[in-house]
Protein backbone atom coordinates (compact mmCIF):
# COMPACT_ATOMS: atom_id res chain seq x y z
CA MET A 1 238.75 185.80 -75.12
CA PRO A 2 236.56 188.52 -73.48
CA ASP A 3 234.93 190.83 -75.82
CA MET A 4 237.27 193.65 -76.00
CA GLU A 5 240.36 191.54 -76.33
CA TYR A 6 239.07 190.76 -79.90
CA LEU A 7 240.05 194.23 -80.87
CA LYS A 8 243.09 194.42 -79.01
CA ARG A 9 244.64 191.28 -80.19
CA ALA A 10 243.72 192.26 -83.74
CA THR A 11 245.57 195.46 -83.44
CA GLU A 12 248.56 193.72 -82.15
CA ILE A 13 248.90 191.56 -85.24
CA ASN A 14 247.73 194.18 -87.66
CA PRO A 15 251.39 194.65 -88.91
CA GLU A 16 251.20 191.04 -90.32
CA VAL A 17 247.80 191.46 -91.61
CA ILE A 18 249.23 194.71 -93.28
CA ALA A 19 252.04 192.80 -94.58
CA ASN A 20 249.84 190.03 -96.07
CA ARG A 21 247.79 192.64 -97.67
CA ARG A 22 250.45 194.25 -99.52
CA TYR A 23 251.88 191.19 -100.89
CA LEU A 24 248.57 190.34 -102.18
CA HIS A 25 248.03 193.76 -103.43
CA GLN A 26 251.27 193.67 -105.44
CA HIS A 27 250.43 190.35 -106.92
CA PRO A 28 246.94 190.32 -108.15
CA GLU A 29 245.41 187.79 -110.20
CA LEU A 30 242.02 187.38 -112.18
CA ALA A 31 238.70 185.45 -111.84
CA PHE A 32 239.87 181.55 -111.21
CA ASP A 33 243.62 182.19 -112.10
CA LEU A 34 244.64 182.39 -108.79
CA ASP A 35 247.58 180.08 -108.53
CA ASN A 36 249.86 182.33 -106.71
CA THR A 37 246.94 183.76 -104.42
CA VAL A 38 245.86 180.29 -103.31
CA ARG A 39 249.31 179.04 -102.78
CA PHE A 40 250.06 181.91 -100.38
CA VAL A 41 246.65 181.68 -98.65
CA LYS A 42 247.56 177.89 -98.06
CA GLU A 43 250.87 178.69 -96.97
CA LYS A 44 249.89 181.20 -94.25
CA LEU A 45 247.17 178.84 -93.09
CA THR A 46 249.56 175.86 -92.88
CA GLU A 47 252.00 177.99 -90.76
CA MET A 48 249.30 178.83 -88.32
CA GLY A 49 248.47 175.17 -88.03
CA TYR A 50 245.28 174.52 -90.11
CA ALA A 51 244.85 172.05 -92.84
CA PRO A 52 243.77 173.93 -95.78
CA ALA A 53 241.67 172.06 -98.41
CA ASP A 54 240.80 173.03 -102.03
CA CYS A 55 237.09 173.74 -102.69
CA GLY A 56 236.18 174.01 -106.59
CA ASP A 57 238.06 175.94 -109.08
CA HIS A 58 240.67 177.76 -106.95
CA GLY A 59 238.65 178.01 -103.82
CA VAL A 60 240.18 177.35 -100.25
CA VAL A 61 238.55 176.21 -96.97
CA ALA A 62 239.78 175.56 -93.71
CA LEU A 63 238.08 174.66 -90.47
CA ALA A 64 238.67 176.47 -86.87
CA GLY A 65 237.26 174.83 -83.80
CA GLY A 66 235.35 171.62 -84.03
CA ARG A 67 236.73 170.35 -80.42
CA LYS A 68 233.51 171.47 -78.46
CA PRO A 69 230.11 170.32 -79.76
CA GLY A 70 228.18 172.88 -81.53
CA LYS A 71 227.03 174.61 -84.90
CA CYS A 72 228.96 175.73 -87.79
CA ILE A 73 229.31 179.19 -89.07
CA LEU A 74 231.01 180.31 -92.24
CA ILE A 75 233.18 183.41 -92.65
CA ARG A 76 234.02 184.57 -96.28
CA ALA A 77 236.73 186.46 -98.06
CA ASP A 78 237.01 186.84 -101.79
CA MET A 79 240.38 186.91 -103.30
CA ASP A 80 240.39 187.95 -106.99
CA ALA A 81 241.36 191.43 -108.68
CA LEU A 82 239.96 193.46 -111.55
CA PRO A 83 241.17 193.56 -115.09
CA MET A 84 242.54 197.15 -115.10
CA LYS A 85 245.81 199.09 -114.43
CA GLU A 86 246.17 200.76 -111.08
CA GLU A 87 246.86 204.50 -110.70
CA SER A 88 246.66 204.97 -106.93
CA GLY A 89 250.45 205.74 -106.44
CA LEU A 90 250.77 203.45 -103.85
CA GLU A 91 254.47 202.25 -102.93
CA PHE A 92 253.34 198.70 -103.06
CA SER A 93 251.02 199.27 -106.14
CA SER A 94 250.34 196.29 -108.54
CA LEU A 95 253.34 194.88 -110.35
CA THR A 96 251.27 194.23 -113.39
CA ASP A 97 249.36 196.70 -115.84
CA SER A 98 246.64 194.17 -116.41
CA ALA A 99 245.32 193.58 -112.92
CA ALA A 100 244.49 195.77 -109.88
CA HIS A 101 242.99 195.07 -106.44
CA THR A 102 240.52 198.22 -106.88
CA CYS A 103 237.83 196.48 -105.24
CA GLY A 104 239.52 195.45 -101.90
CA HIS A 105 239.60 191.80 -102.11
CA ASP A 106 243.02 191.64 -101.21
CA THR A 107 242.27 193.36 -97.80
CA HIS A 108 239.27 190.80 -97.26
CA THR A 109 241.76 188.02 -97.76
CA ALA A 110 244.30 189.69 -95.56
CA MET A 111 241.84 190.19 -92.71
CA LEU A 112 240.36 186.66 -92.90
CA LEU A 113 244.06 185.26 -92.47
CA GLY A 114 243.96 187.64 -89.60
CA ALA A 115 241.13 186.18 -87.95
CA ALA A 116 242.30 182.61 -88.66
CA LYS A 117 245.23 183.53 -86.64
CA LEU A 118 243.04 184.67 -83.66
CA LEU A 119 240.57 181.69 -84.01
CA LYS A 120 243.68 178.95 -83.97
CA GLU A 121 244.88 180.89 -80.88
CA MET A 122 241.54 180.15 -78.91
CA GLU A 123 240.26 177.12 -80.76
CA ASP A 124 239.73 175.02 -77.54
CA GLU A 125 237.20 177.87 -76.55
CA ILE A 126 235.26 177.76 -79.86
CA PRO A 127 231.72 176.23 -79.17
CA GLY A 128 231.43 174.84 -82.46
CA THR A 129 233.14 175.14 -85.82
CA VAL A 130 234.21 178.10 -87.92
CA LYS A 131 234.55 177.40 -91.39
CA LEU A 132 236.80 179.59 -93.55
CA MET A 133 236.03 180.26 -97.09
CA PHE A 134 238.49 182.09 -99.32
CA GLN A 135 236.74 182.46 -102.72
CA PRO A 136 237.68 182.99 -106.27
CA ALA A 137 235.80 185.08 -109.16
CA GLU A 138 233.64 187.22 -107.08
CA GLU A 139 234.12 190.02 -109.99
CA MET A 140 232.68 187.52 -112.46
CA GLY A 141 229.84 186.62 -110.18
CA THR A 142 230.57 182.94 -110.64
CA GLY A 143 233.05 182.17 -107.84
CA ALA A 144 230.50 181.63 -104.85
CA GLU A 145 228.16 179.55 -107.33
CA ASN A 146 231.33 177.27 -108.10
CA MET A 147 232.10 176.65 -104.40
CA LEU A 148 228.78 176.01 -103.63
CA LYS A 149 228.36 173.48 -106.25
CA ALA A 150 232.06 171.83 -104.77
CA GLY A 151 230.16 171.35 -101.35
CA VAL A 152 231.54 174.51 -99.43
CA LEU A 153 228.29 174.31 -97.13
CA GLU A 154 228.90 170.87 -96.15
CA ASN A 155 231.60 168.59 -94.28
CA PRO A 156 230.62 169.89 -91.83
CA HIS A 157 227.16 171.48 -92.64
CA VAL A 158 227.17 175.01 -92.42
CA ASP A 159 224.23 176.74 -90.19
CA ALA A 160 224.97 180.32 -90.88
CA SER A 161 227.51 182.54 -92.67
CA PHE A 162 229.01 186.19 -92.66
CA GLY A 163 230.78 188.10 -94.92
CA ILE A 164 232.64 191.75 -94.98
CA HIS A 165 233.27 194.06 -97.78
CA ILE A 166 235.32 197.18 -97.35
CA PHE A 167 234.00 200.50 -98.75
CA ALA A 168 236.39 203.54 -99.38
CA ALA A 169 233.39 205.88 -99.02
CA VAL A 170 232.73 204.89 -95.43
CA PRO A 171 234.58 206.29 -92.38
CA ALA A 172 237.42 204.04 -91.70
CA GLY A 173 236.68 201.50 -88.99
CA VAL A 174 232.81 201.89 -89.18
CA LEU A 175 230.82 198.69 -89.73
CA VAL A 176 227.13 198.66 -91.36
CA TYR A 177 224.83 195.94 -91.69
CA ALA A 178 221.43 195.68 -92.74
CA ASN A 179 218.29 193.54 -91.60
CA GLY A 180 216.82 191.92 -94.50
CA PRO A 181 217.90 193.10 -98.22
CA MET A 182 221.52 194.61 -98.20
CA LEU A 183 222.68 194.47 -101.97
CA SER A 184 220.62 193.84 -104.88
CA SER A 185 220.65 191.08 -107.50
CA CYS A 186 222.45 191.41 -110.86
CA ASP A 187 221.30 189.70 -114.30
CA VAL A 188 223.61 190.61 -117.13
CA PHE A 189 221.61 190.41 -120.18
CA GLU A 190 222.50 190.31 -123.84
CA ILE A 191 220.28 190.96 -126.62
CA THR A 192 221.40 190.01 -130.38
CA VAL A 193 219.18 191.53 -133.15
CA LYS A 194 219.20 189.71 -136.53
CA GLY A 195 218.17 191.66 -139.43
CA LYS A 196 219.19 191.82 -143.04
CA GLY A 197 222.07 194.17 -144.26
CA GLY A 198 222.34 196.34 -147.27
CA HIS A 199 223.41 199.54 -148.88
CA GLY A 200 222.15 202.79 -146.79
CA SER A 201 220.75 203.91 -150.22
CA MET A 202 218.31 201.24 -150.35
CA PRO A 203 216.67 200.60 -146.74
CA ASN A 204 213.91 199.17 -148.27
CA ASP A 205 215.83 196.02 -149.29
CA THR A 206 216.87 195.59 -145.67
CA VAL A 207 215.65 194.67 -142.31
CA ASP A 208 217.79 197.36 -140.04
CA PRO A 209 218.99 195.81 -136.86
CA ILE A 210 219.82 199.31 -135.57
CA MET A 211 216.39 200.63 -136.04
CA VAL A 212 214.82 197.60 -134.36
CA GLY A 213 217.33 197.67 -131.47
CA ALA A 214 216.48 201.44 -130.74
CA HIS A 215 212.69 200.10 -130.59
CA ILE A 216 213.59 197.50 -128.00
CA LEU A 217 215.83 199.78 -126.09
CA THR A 218 212.55 202.29 -125.78
CA ALA A 219 210.22 199.13 -125.06
CA LEU A 220 212.43 198.21 -122.34
CA GLU A 221 211.96 201.53 -120.56
CA SER A 222 208.18 200.86 -120.07
CA ILE A 223 209.20 197.87 -117.72
CA ASN A 224 210.44 200.25 -115.08
CA SER A 225 207.90 203.07 -115.82
CA ARG A 226 204.84 201.03 -116.44
CA GLU A 227 205.04 197.35 -115.16
CA ILE A 228 206.78 197.78 -111.95
CA ALA A 229 204.53 198.82 -108.82
CA PRO A 230 205.85 202.14 -107.50
CA ASP A 231 206.78 200.82 -104.05
CA SER A 232 208.92 198.27 -105.72
CA PHE A 233 212.63 198.36 -106.66
CA GLY A 234 213.76 197.33 -109.91
CA VAL A 235 216.67 198.95 -112.19
CA LEU A 236 217.12 198.00 -116.01
CA THR A 237 220.13 199.64 -117.54
CA VAL A 238 221.37 199.17 -121.22
CA GLY A 239 224.97 200.17 -120.84
CA CYS A 240 226.20 199.08 -124.32
CA PHE A 241 224.49 199.35 -127.78
CA GLN A 242 226.87 198.23 -130.94
CA SER A 243 226.19 198.04 -134.53
CA GLY A 244 227.54 198.95 -137.82
CA SER A 245 230.86 199.78 -139.03
CA LYS A 246 230.35 202.18 -142.05
CA PHE A 247 228.44 205.13 -142.78
CA ASN A 248 226.67 203.73 -145.80
CA ILE A 249 226.12 200.29 -144.68
CA ILE A 250 223.19 198.71 -142.87
CA PRO A 251 224.52 196.17 -141.04
CA ASP A 252 223.17 192.47 -140.46
CA THR A 253 223.18 192.53 -136.59
CA ALA A 254 222.99 194.85 -133.57
CA PHE A 255 224.07 193.91 -130.05
CA MET A 256 223.15 195.44 -126.56
CA THR A 257 223.64 194.36 -123.24
CA GLY A 258 222.89 195.79 -119.59
CA THR A 259 221.91 194.75 -116.03
CA ILE A 260 218.85 193.87 -114.37
CA ARG A 261 218.82 194.74 -110.58
CA THR A 262 216.22 194.30 -107.56
CA PHE A 263 216.14 193.10 -104.15
CA ASP A 264 212.89 190.83 -104.69
CA SER A 265 213.00 187.59 -106.14
CA GLU A 266 209.41 187.76 -107.91
CA VAL A 267 210.30 191.42 -109.38
CA ARG A 268 213.46 189.81 -110.65
CA GLU A 269 212.02 187.12 -112.67
CA PHE A 270 209.15 189.31 -113.98
CA MET A 271 211.67 191.89 -115.26
CA LYS A 272 213.60 189.14 -117.10
CA LYS A 273 210.24 187.62 -118.51
CA ARG A 274 209.09 191.21 -119.56
CA LEU A 275 212.73 191.84 -121.27
CA THR A 276 212.86 188.67 -123.31
CA GLU A 277 209.16 189.25 -124.28
CA LEU A 278 209.63 192.59 -125.52
CA ALA A 279 212.62 192.13 -127.21
CA GLU A 280 211.46 188.93 -129.24
CA GLY A 281 208.12 190.54 -129.79
CA THR A 282 209.50 193.91 -131.01
CA ALA A 283 212.01 192.29 -133.37
CA ARG A 284 208.97 190.17 -134.98
CA ALA A 285 207.18 193.30 -135.43
CA TYR A 286 209.95 194.73 -137.62
CA ARG A 287 210.54 191.33 -139.48
CA ALA A 288 213.95 190.84 -137.50
CA GLU A 289 214.78 188.32 -134.88
CA ALA A 290 215.95 188.97 -131.16
CA THR A 291 218.04 186.47 -129.27
CA VAL A 292 218.01 186.99 -125.33
CA SER A 293 220.61 185.67 -123.08
CA PHE A 294 221.47 186.13 -119.38
CA PRO A 295 225.24 185.14 -118.99
CA THR A 296 225.76 186.19 -115.72
CA GLN A 297 222.95 185.97 -112.73
CA ILE A 298 223.83 186.69 -109.28
CA CYS A 299 221.26 186.57 -106.32
CA ALA A 300 220.70 189.76 -103.93
CA VAL A 301 222.30 189.54 -100.61
CA ILE A 302 219.28 189.23 -98.29
CA THR A 303 220.46 188.89 -94.76
CA ASP A 304 218.76 187.03 -92.21
CA LYS A 305 217.26 189.34 -89.42
CA ASP A 306 218.23 186.78 -86.33
CA VAL A 307 221.66 186.15 -87.63
CA ALA A 308 222.28 189.82 -88.25
CA ARG A 309 220.89 191.00 -85.05
CA ILE A 310 223.25 188.39 -82.82
CA VAL A 311 226.17 188.87 -85.04
CA GLY A 312 225.75 192.72 -84.95
CA GLU A 313 225.32 192.88 -80.88
CA SER A 314 228.47 190.70 -80.72
CA VAL A 315 230.64 192.77 -82.88
CA ALA A 316 229.39 195.90 -81.24
CA ALA A 317 230.29 194.50 -77.94
CA ALA A 318 233.88 193.74 -79.57
CA VAL A 319 234.64 196.88 -81.05
CA GLY A 320 232.44 199.61 -79.61
CA ALA A 321 228.74 199.98 -80.37
CA PRO A 322 229.62 203.70 -81.84
CA ARG A 323 231.37 201.94 -84.72
CA VAL A 324 228.38 199.66 -85.64
CA ILE A 325 225.45 200.67 -87.56
CA GLY A 326 222.36 198.58 -88.05
CA ASN A 327 219.54 199.15 -90.42
CA PHE A 328 221.77 200.09 -93.43
CA LYS A 329 219.69 201.10 -96.25
CA PRO A 330 220.10 198.56 -99.10
CA ILE A 331 222.12 199.76 -102.20
CA ALA A 332 221.80 198.33 -105.94
CA GLY A 333 225.46 197.41 -106.04
CA SER A 334 225.72 193.54 -106.21
CA GLU A 335 228.06 190.60 -104.33
CA ASP A 336 228.07 186.91 -105.46
CA PHE A 337 227.65 186.44 -101.59
CA GLY A 338 223.98 186.56 -102.70
CA TYR A 339 224.57 182.75 -103.64
CA ILE A 340 225.31 181.95 -99.76
CA THR A 341 222.61 184.06 -98.18
CA SER A 342 220.19 182.13 -100.56
CA GLU A 343 221.21 179.02 -99.04
CA VAL A 344 221.97 179.45 -95.14
CA PRO A 345 220.56 182.45 -92.71
CA SER A 346 223.40 185.04 -93.30
CA THR A 347 224.69 188.46 -92.65
CA PHE A 348 227.03 191.01 -94.60
CA PHE A 349 228.83 193.84 -93.38
CA GLY A 350 230.22 196.84 -94.99
CA LEU A 351 233.73 197.87 -93.29
CA GLY A 352 234.59 201.58 -93.59
CA GLY A 353 238.08 201.94 -95.14
CA CYS A 354 238.13 205.82 -96.02
CA PRO A 355 241.68 207.14 -96.06
CA THR A 356 242.40 210.24 -94.12
CA ASP A 357 244.75 212.12 -96.47
CA TYR A 358 243.61 211.09 -99.66
CA PRO A 359 240.35 211.51 -101.82
CA ALA A 360 237.64 208.77 -101.06
CA TYR A 361 237.30 207.27 -104.64
CA PRO A 362 234.61 204.93 -105.43
CA GLN A 363 235.20 200.92 -105.86
CA HIS A 364 237.09 199.90 -109.05
CA SER A 365 238.37 203.23 -109.64
CA PRO A 366 242.00 202.85 -110.63
CA ASN A 367 242.98 205.58 -108.02
CA ILE A 368 241.12 203.93 -104.97
CA ARG A 369 243.07 203.47 -101.68
CA PHE A 370 241.93 201.57 -98.46
CA ASN A 371 242.88 202.87 -94.79
CA GLU A 372 244.96 200.05 -93.38
CA ASP A 373 244.14 201.40 -89.85
CA ALA A 374 240.57 199.79 -90.35
CA PHE A 375 241.64 196.25 -90.58
CA PRO A 376 241.88 195.43 -86.86
CA VAL A 377 238.15 196.35 -86.84
CA GLY A 378 237.56 193.91 -89.59
CA VAL A 379 239.69 190.99 -88.18
CA ALA A 380 237.75 191.58 -84.75
CA ALA A 381 234.51 191.73 -86.36
CA TYR A 382 234.93 188.50 -88.06
CA VAL A 383 236.31 186.44 -84.92
CA SER A 384 233.82 188.16 -82.78
CA GLY A 385 230.44 187.76 -85.15
CA ALA A 386 231.56 184.19 -85.69
CA ILE A 387 231.91 183.50 -81.86
CA GLY A 388 229.18 185.59 -80.51
CA TRP A 389 226.89 183.42 -83.14
CA LEU A 390 228.07 180.21 -82.09
CA GLN A 391 227.83 181.11 -78.42
CA SER A 392 224.26 182.10 -78.89
CA GLN A 393 223.25 178.71 -80.48
CA ALA A 394 225.05 176.64 -77.78
CA LYS A 395 222.74 178.61 -75.08
CA GLU A 396 219.79 177.78 -77.00
CA ALA A 397 220.55 174.24 -77.14
């Protein structure tokens, strides 16, 4: 299929992509509880002629191509929603108040199904294999890791990967990508301070965990201001500090949680180590005890420069160079596609989905809307990027 034919064909099937997206949007599911979503995806893939397979906990994979020798590239979409009520006013809004696709994963799934349709139509021409990855639990930061452990990168072995995320704040149909860091790591930390409770009138008989926690919070600020080189990036944020239940009672415990974000693995490990040392050491200094844990740990999305260049050039040829912007400045948001980029050379694109007659709300806003006119660009990008990379490898061989 000639380069510009990808966008033309993607535009022709856009009504189908929109219909799939709207069904998924009305029926959001959370984390690994994706029974209906997985059923829908597998039915659509089977109708196209695929033999979709389960991978891990509510993950789905399917293979396109493989009829010609060549390498294997993985293209991925996440499927889960967020635990919140939608307030967008769309006629196809979520049918439940407990879940909503306010991050756009419904659009990713629909666009990858659209890409699957195009790839099936040209299957005899694919110089290798395209593995389609439909992933659960991205919002938990554990879905990609779960599919990794289940072997998503094998049978056949994956040589490169490519992901897309839609953004309502980027002009519709514009694609952005980075050469190197794209999205930061995200390590969620939890600190529990154990003191000794008592009456507020007799603080000398207590070990006040609120006071200790306050000192820990202040100590943690020194990591950013005094322990990281000025030319390094690292952000430590405490987003929750909870303790106590009544004005005249000193509680037994205090709890705080937050995130550490960076693009550099060495800075990441250093910040986690220092957070633990400062929390535990500060607590001991005030006769308390601090317990530190990291319940969620997401790798940074670091793109491979060669894969990014090849895919970027292929996508630009398919959708038009003015739509594609390289050298995107990294942002501190996180995506568990980082688990994939840490294992195989990869690239990751942001797709603009800004509506034309509605405010551009940020991701996770209950009011967010995405422009469905952007979907053909996403579908064409998935297909052209994957085929372009496979063709480049075939030429090298």
